[in-house]
Protein backbone atom coordinates (compact mmCIF):
# COMPACT_ATOMS: atom_id res chain seq x y z
CA UNK A 1 -12.82 -19.54 -19.02
CA UNK A 2 -11.01 -16.26 -19.67
CA UNK A 3 -7.27 -16.08 -19.02
CA UNK A 4 -6.04 -14.28 -15.95
CA UNK A 5 -5.32 -10.68 -16.92
CA UNK A 6 -1.76 -9.43 -17.28
CA UNK A 7 -2.58 -5.74 -17.10
CA UNK A 8 -1.39 -3.06 -14.66
CA UNK A 9 -3.24 -4.64 -11.75
CA UNK A 10 -1.25 -7.83 -12.09
CA UNK A 11 1.72 -7.99 -9.72
CA UNK A 12 3.76 -10.65 -11.56
CA UNK A 13 5.94 -9.71 -14.50
CA UNK A 14 4.96 -12.17 -17.28
CA UNK A 15 8.40 -11.93 -18.84
CA UNK A 16 10.00 -12.86 -15.51
CA UNK A 17 7.63 -15.81 -15.12
CA UNK A 18 8.80 -17.03 -18.54
CA UNK A 19 12.47 -16.57 -17.63
CA UNK A 20 11.98 -18.37 -14.32
CA UNK A 21 10.52 -21.32 -16.24
CA UNK A 22 13.49 -21.38 -18.63
CA UNK A 23 15.92 -21.39 -15.71
CA UNK A 24 14.09 -24.00 -13.63
CA UNK A 25 12.86 -26.43 -16.29
CA UNK A 26 15.33 -26.04 -19.15
CA UNK A 27 18.49 -25.08 -17.30
CA UNK A 28 18.99 -21.93 -19.38
CA UNK A 29 22.37 -20.29 -18.82
CA UNK A 30 22.69 -16.84 -17.24
CA UNK A 31 23.87 -15.34 -20.55
CA UNK A 32 20.82 -16.76 -22.34
CA UNK A 33 18.46 -15.43 -19.69
CA UNK A 34 20.06 -11.99 -19.85
CA UNK A 35 19.67 -11.89 -23.65
CA UNK A 36 16.03 -12.99 -23.42
CA UNK A 37 15.40 -10.35 -20.75
CA UNK A 38 16.71 -7.61 -23.06
CA UNK A 39 14.64 -8.88 -25.99
CA UNK A 40 11.45 -9.14 -23.95
CA UNK A 41 11.95 -5.72 -22.35
CA UNK A 42 12.22 -4.22 -25.82
CA UNK A 43 9.18 -6.10 -27.12
CA UNK A 44 7.01 -5.35 -24.08
CA UNK A 45 8.10 -1.72 -24.28
CA UNK A 46 6.89 -1.60 -27.88
CA UNK A 47 3.54 -3.09 -26.87
CA UNK A 48 3.23 -0.56 -24.04
CA UNK A 49 3.71 2.28 -26.55
CA UNK A 50 0.79 0.81 -28.47
CA UNK A 51 -1.28 0.71 -25.28
CA UNK A 52 -1.14 -3.08 -25.03
CA UNK A 53 -0.05 -5.75 -22.58
CA UNK A 54 1.32 -9.11 -23.78
CA UNK A 55 -1.94 -11.10 -23.54
CA UNK A 56 -3.64 -8.49 -25.78
CA UNK A 57 -1.09 -8.76 -28.59
CA UNK A 58 -2.25 -10.08 -31.95
CA UNK A 59 -0.32 -11.34 -34.96
CA UNK A 60 -0.39 -7.91 -36.62
CA UNK A 61 1.30 -6.37 -33.57
CA UNK A 62 4.05 -9.01 -33.58
CA UNK A 63 4.62 -8.51 -37.31
CA UNK A 64 4.75 -4.72 -36.86
CA UNK A 65 7.30 -5.09 -34.06
CA UNK A 66 9.53 -7.38 -36.13
CA UNK A 67 9.24 -4.98 -39.09
CA UNK A 68 10.33 -2.12 -36.82
CA UNK A 69 13.66 -3.80 -36.10
CA UNK A 70 15.20 -3.36 -39.56
CA UNK A 71 15.11 0.48 -39.54
CA UNK A 72 16.80 0.25 -36.14
CA UNK A 73 19.75 -1.54 -37.71
CA UNK A 74 19.05 -5.17 -36.73
CA UNK A 75 19.93 -7.79 -39.31
CA UNK A 76 17.45 -10.45 -40.41
CA UNK A 77 19.32 -13.03 -38.33
CA UNK A 78 18.96 -10.89 -35.19
CA UNK A 79 15.28 -10.25 -35.90
CA UNK A 80 14.71 -13.99 -36.37
CA UNK A 81 16.41 -14.71 -33.05
CA UNK A 82 14.24 -12.10 -31.35
CA UNK A 83 11.09 -13.58 -32.89
CA UNK A 84 12.13 -16.98 -31.56
CA UNK A 85 12.29 -15.49 -28.05
CA UNK A 86 8.91 -13.79 -28.46
CA UNK A 87 7.39 -16.99 -29.85
CA UNK A 88 8.55 -18.96 -26.82
CA UNK A 89 7.19 -16.23 -24.54
CA UNK A 90 3.69 -16.27 -26.05
CA UNK A 91 3.57 -20.07 -26.19
CA UNK A 92 4.38 -20.07 -22.48
CA UNK A 93 1.60 -17.57 -21.73
CA UNK A 94 -0.87 -19.66 -23.72
CA UNK A 95 0.21 -22.96 -22.12
CA UNK A 96 -0.08 -21.46 -18.64
CA UNK A 97 -3.56 -20.09 -19.30
CA UNK A 98 -2.33 -16.50 -19.07
CA UNK A 99 -3.45 -15.74 -22.63
CA UNK A 100 -6.24 -17.23 -24.74
CA UNK A 101 -4.24 -17.18 -28.01
CA UNK A 102 -0.70 -17.45 -29.34
CA UNK A 103 -0.35 -14.46 -31.70
CA UNK A 104 3.00 -15.65 -33.03
CA UNK A 105 1.64 -18.85 -34.64
CA UNK A 106 0.92 -17.27 -38.05
CA UNK A 107 4.02 -15.01 -38.03
CA UNK A 108 6.81 -16.09 -40.36
CA UNK A 109 10.43 -15.48 -39.45
CA UNK A 110 12.37 -12.88 -41.46
CA UNK A 111 14.15 -14.43 -44.41
CA UNK A 112 17.87 -14.56 -43.93
CA UNK A 113 20.71 -15.64 -46.13
CA UNK A 114 22.61 -18.71 -45.01
CA UNK A 115 26.16 -17.47 -44.75
CA UNK A 116 29.06 -19.81 -44.26
CA UNK A 117 30.78 -19.62 -40.88
CA UNK A 118 33.97 -17.57 -40.80
CA UNK A 119 36.98 -19.80 -40.26
CA UNK A 120 40.74 -19.64 -40.31
CA UNK A 121 42.92 -21.96 -42.34
CA UNK A 122 45.11 -24.53 -40.60
CA UNK A 123 48.15 -22.43 -41.50
CA UNK A 124 46.60 -19.33 -39.94
CA UNK A 125 45.76 -21.14 -36.71
CA UNK A 126 49.29 -22.55 -36.62
CA UNK A 127 50.65 -19.00 -37.00
CA UNK A 128 48.43 -17.74 -34.19
CA UNK A 129 49.55 -20.53 -31.85
CA UNK A 130 53.22 -20.23 -32.84
CA UNK A 131 53.19 -16.50 -32.10
CA UNK A 132 51.57 -17.15 -28.70
CA UNK A 133 54.29 -19.72 -27.89
CA UNK A 134 57.02 -17.30 -28.92
CA UNK A 135 55.56 -14.66 -26.62
CA UNK A 136 55.79 -17.11 -23.70
CA UNK A 137 59.42 -17.87 -24.54
CA UNK A 138 60.54 -14.23 -24.81
CA UNK A 139 58.61 -12.89 -21.80
CA UNK A 140 61.65 -13.54 -19.61
CA UNK A 141 61.73 -12.19 -16.08
CA UNK A 142 58.77 -9.84 -16.52
CA UNK A 143 56.25 -11.71 -14.37
CA UNK A 144 53.17 -9.80 -15.50
CA UNK A 145 54.04 -10.28 -19.16
CA UNK A 146 54.90 -13.94 -18.64
CA UNK A 147 51.61 -14.53 -16.82
CA UNK A 148 49.58 -12.84 -19.59
CA UNK A 149 51.45 -14.73 -22.30
CA UNK A 150 50.94 -18.09 -20.57
CA UNK A 151 47.24 -17.39 -20.09
CA UNK A 152 46.71 -16.49 -23.76
CA UNK A 153 48.58 -19.58 -24.95
CA UNK A 154 46.49 -21.75 -22.63
CA UNK A 155 43.24 -20.19 -23.86
CA UNK A 156 44.19 -20.68 -27.51
CA UNK A 157 45.44 -24.26 -27.12
CA UNK A 158 42.34 -25.26 -25.17
CA UNK A 159 39.92 -23.56 -27.54
CA UNK A 160 41.42 -25.09 -30.68
CA UNK A 161 41.81 -28.52 -29.04
CA UNK A 162 38.26 -28.71 -27.68
CA UNK A 163 35.98 -26.38 -29.65
CA UNK A 164 34.45 -25.13 -26.39
CA UNK A 165 32.00 -22.26 -26.37
CA UNK A 166 33.77 -19.18 -25.07
CA UNK A 167 31.46 -19.09 -22.03
CA UNK A 168 32.48 -22.69 -21.24
CA UNK A 169 36.17 -21.96 -21.76
CA UNK A 170 36.52 -18.92 -19.49
CA UNK A 171 34.54 -20.64 -16.72
CA UNK A 172 36.67 -23.80 -16.54
CA UNK A 173 37.53 -24.77 -12.94
CA UNK A 174 41.14 -24.83 -11.74
CA UNK A 175 40.76 -28.59 -11.27
CA UNK A 176 40.66 -29.01 -15.07
CA UNK A 177 44.42 -28.46 -15.16
CA UNK A 178 44.99 -31.30 -12.70
CA UNK A 179 43.19 -34.00 -14.69
CA UNK A 180 45.22 -37.01 -15.76
CA UNK A 181 42.68 -37.88 -18.41
CA UNK A 182 42.93 -36.92 -22.07
CA UNK A 183 39.54 -35.30 -21.97
CA UNK A 184 37.48 -32.80 -20.01
CA UNK A 185 33.92 -33.19 -18.79
CA UNK A 186 32.13 -29.95 -19.70
CA UNK A 187 28.65 -28.84 -18.70
CA UNK A 188 27.14 -26.97 -21.64
CA UNK A 189 23.80 -25.46 -22.55
CA UNK A 190 20.82 -26.85 -20.68
CA UNK A 191 23.13 -28.47 -18.15
CA UNK A 192 24.10 -31.19 -20.64
CA UNK A 193 27.48 -32.78 -19.99
CA UNK A 194 29.84 -33.90 -22.73
CA UNK A 195 33.41 -35.14 -23.12
CA UNK A 196 35.88 -33.02 -25.08
CA UNK A 197 39.39 -34.15 -26.05
CA UNK A 198 42.61 -32.71 -24.66
CA UNK A 199 45.78 -32.63 -26.74
CA UNK A 200 49.23 -32.93 -25.16
CA UNK A 201 49.89 -29.32 -26.16
CA UNK A 202 46.73 -28.17 -24.38
CA UNK A 203 47.64 -30.12 -21.24
CA UNK A 204 51.14 -28.62 -21.25
CA UNK A 205 49.76 -25.12 -21.80
CA UNK A 206 47.49 -25.56 -18.77
CA UNK A 207 50.45 -26.71 -16.66
CA UNK A 208 52.51 -23.65 -17.65
CA UNK A 209 49.60 -21.29 -17.07
CA UNK A 210 48.77 -22.65 -13.61
CA UNK A 211 52.44 -22.33 -12.61
CA UNK A 212 52.14 -18.58 -13.19
CA UNK A 213 49.03 -18.16 -11.01
CA UNK A 214 49.84 -16.45 -7.75
CA UNK A 215 47.34 -18.12 -5.42
CA UNK A 216 44.95 -21.02 -5.10
CA UNK A 217 41.48 -20.40 -6.44
CA UNK A 218 38.33 -21.78 -8.01
CA UNK A 219 38.87 -20.79 -11.63
CA UNK A 220 41.43 -21.76 -14.24
CA UNK A 221 41.34 -18.19 -15.57
CA UNK A 222 40.76 -16.02 -12.49
CA UNK A 223 40.09 -12.30 -12.93
CA UNK A 224 38.76 -9.34 -11.01
CA UNK A 225 35.25 -9.55 -12.40
CA UNK A 226 31.79 -10.08 -10.97
CA UNK A 227 32.00 -13.79 -11.78
CA UNK A 228 35.55 -14.15 -10.47
CA UNK A 229 36.86 -15.46 -13.79
CA UNK A 230 37.92 -14.00 -17.12
CA UNK A 231 35.01 -12.51 -19.06
CA UNK A 232 34.14 -13.36 -22.64
CA UNK A 233 34.59 -9.74 -23.62
CA UNK A 234 38.07 -9.48 -22.09
CA UNK A 235 39.22 -12.66 -23.87
CA UNK A 236 37.81 -11.46 -27.21
CA UNK A 237 39.64 -8.14 -26.77
CA UNK A 238 42.96 -9.80 -25.93
CA UNK A 239 42.53 -12.23 -28.81
CA UNK A 240 42.38 -9.32 -31.26
CA UNK A 241 45.77 -8.19 -29.98
CA UNK A 242 47.17 -11.73 -30.34
CA UNK A 243 45.81 -11.94 -33.90
CA UNK A 244 47.46 -8.66 -34.89
CA UNK A 245 50.77 -9.88 -33.42
CA UNK A 246 50.48 -12.98 -35.63
CA UNK A 247 49.92 -10.88 -38.74
CA UNK A 248 46.21 -11.74 -38.98
CA UNK A 249 43.43 -9.23 -39.47
CA UNK A 250 41.88 -8.76 -36.00
CA UNK A 251 38.37 -8.50 -37.47
CA UNK A 252 38.73 -12.06 -38.79
CA UNK A 253 39.59 -13.59 -35.42
CA UNK A 254 37.28 -14.18 -32.47
CA UNK A 255 36.71 -17.01 -29.97
CA UNK A 256 33.76 -18.22 -32.05
CA UNK A 257 35.86 -18.22 -35.23
CA UNK A 258 38.33 -20.55 -33.52
CA UNK A 259 35.44 -22.81 -32.51
CA UNK A 260 34.40 -22.87 -36.17
CA UNK A 261 37.99 -23.67 -37.16
CA UNK A 262 38.04 -26.61 -34.73
CA UNK A 263 34.91 -28.11 -36.33
CA UNK A 264 35.81 -27.37 -39.94
CA UNK A 265 39.35 -28.72 -39.65
CA UNK A 266 38.07 -31.94 -38.08
CA UNK A 267 35.66 -32.43 -40.98
CA UNK A 268 38.36 -31.63 -43.52
CA UNK A 269 40.38 -34.46 -42.03
CA UNK A 270 37.56 -36.99 -42.23
CA UNK A 271 35.67 -36.67 -38.94
CA UNK A 272 32.03 -37.73 -38.94
CA UNK A 273 29.47 -34.91 -38.69
CA UNK A 274 27.73 -36.67 -35.77
CA UNK A 275 31.00 -36.80 -33.82
CA UNK A 276 31.55 -33.09 -34.42
CA UNK A 277 28.00 -32.45 -33.23
CA UNK A 278 28.78 -34.22 -29.95
CA UNK A 279 32.08 -32.40 -29.47
CA UNK A 280 30.47 -29.00 -30.07
CA UNK A 281 27.58 -29.77 -27.73
CA UNK A 282 24.88 -29.15 -30.35
CA UNK A 283 21.56 -30.61 -29.31
CA UNK A 284 20.35 -30.74 -32.93
CA UNK A 285 22.34 -31.97 -35.95
CA UNK A 286 20.83 -29.16 -38.02
CA UNK A 287 22.96 -26.68 -36.08
CA UNK A 288 26.11 -28.58 -37.03
CA UNK A 289 25.11 -28.72 -40.69
CA UNK A 290 26.42 -25.20 -41.27
CA UNK A 291 29.73 -27.02 -41.73
CA UNK A 292 28.56 -29.17 -44.65
CA UNK A 293 30.29 -26.80 -47.07
CA UNK A 294 33.48 -28.49 -45.84
CA UNK A 295 32.02 -31.89 -46.71
CA UNK A 296 31.02 -30.61 -50.15
CA UNK A 297 34.59 -29.63 -50.89
CA UNK A 298 35.99 -32.88 -49.52
CA UNK A 299 33.65 -34.95 -51.68
CA UNK A 300 34.52 -32.94 -54.78
CA UNK A 301 38.21 -33.48 -54.14
CA UNK A 302 37.61 -37.20 -53.56
CA UNK A 303 35.84 -37.59 -56.89
CA UNK A 304 38.49 -35.53 -58.66
CA UNK A 305 41.31 -37.63 -57.23
CA UNK A 306 39.75 -41.11 -57.26
CA UNK A 307 37.18 -41.37 -60.04
CA UNK A 308 38.50 -43.46 -63.00
CA UNK A 309 37.10 -41.03 -65.57
CA UNK A 310 39.67 -38.50 -64.40
CA UNK A 311 42.38 -40.76 -65.91
CA UNK A 312 41.07 -40.33 -69.45
CA UNK A 313 41.07 -37.46 -71.89
CA UNK A 314 37.26 -37.55 -71.89
CA UNK A 315 36.99 -36.91 -68.17
CA UNK A 316 33.89 -34.99 -67.30
CA UNK A 317 33.49 -32.60 -64.43
CA UNK A 318 31.47 -34.24 -61.70
CA UNK A 319 29.73 -31.88 -59.36
CA UNK A 320 28.65 -32.96 -55.94
CA UNK A 321 25.43 -31.19 -55.12
CA UNK A 322 24.27 -33.01 -52.04
CA UNK A 323 26.24 -33.32 -48.85
CA UNK A 324 23.55 -31.87 -46.63
CA UNK A 325 22.53 -35.06 -44.86
CA UNK A 326 24.62 -36.30 -41.97
């Protein structure tokens, strides 16, 4: 039986059918759906230029599209992410009987170097937080400045205490500040709920921030935006200013860098990789394993400090080469 055609006579948009499935069955977030929409629009536009519709694509067309991304300035990591989207799209079409093949099956992902996540040292995070606290203290009677300073301190304390994704952080409800518990219940990717810890400093920062809010509302960080709360982009922009005030290079500081710092600093202090996986909300341990460079260094230091050979003149350098398993 031939698949139902997806050509010009077909009323449904195959990309939209795929996105609807992701939203309904996998609980994909709005940001994820928007990114997939952009990727699929670009891919389907490329196919249209070749005179093709998605169910007519073959492996050579997918490879040619991926190859076309590099001259356009996309890094291998971005091309690999886009291929992942396209692969899911074609698998969906095949599973739904809308295409008789999956052209992405034989297509290999672009090779990409495994870079270590950018992080800040404990001292640098301390400096960032200390500067934010000082700004709250010196804001004085200027209400607008005091409100902005309290909000930034609250954002920083919460982010470093919990390791939340920036999309989770800016969308926290106002009720989070009223909790008497030492943790928050956060709904992450795919609608999965998890517990994240709250430090006393984070709880106090929330109390101060809420005291500066002018009216009752739904969000902990309200803003005049389409969503009604602070946007990721606005927070990232303000964070650059806070970093510069703390004497840090703004290009080294972002919300995601602070999330990396949360995870790396926990591991440096002996936390189990599985626990960090749960706190970050990673569905797969392989995602958390980007932090194993921290474990490598910790194990090397442990051997250097504790191994009996290091007490003798004949001590040999012992190199730890495997800390990649959880």
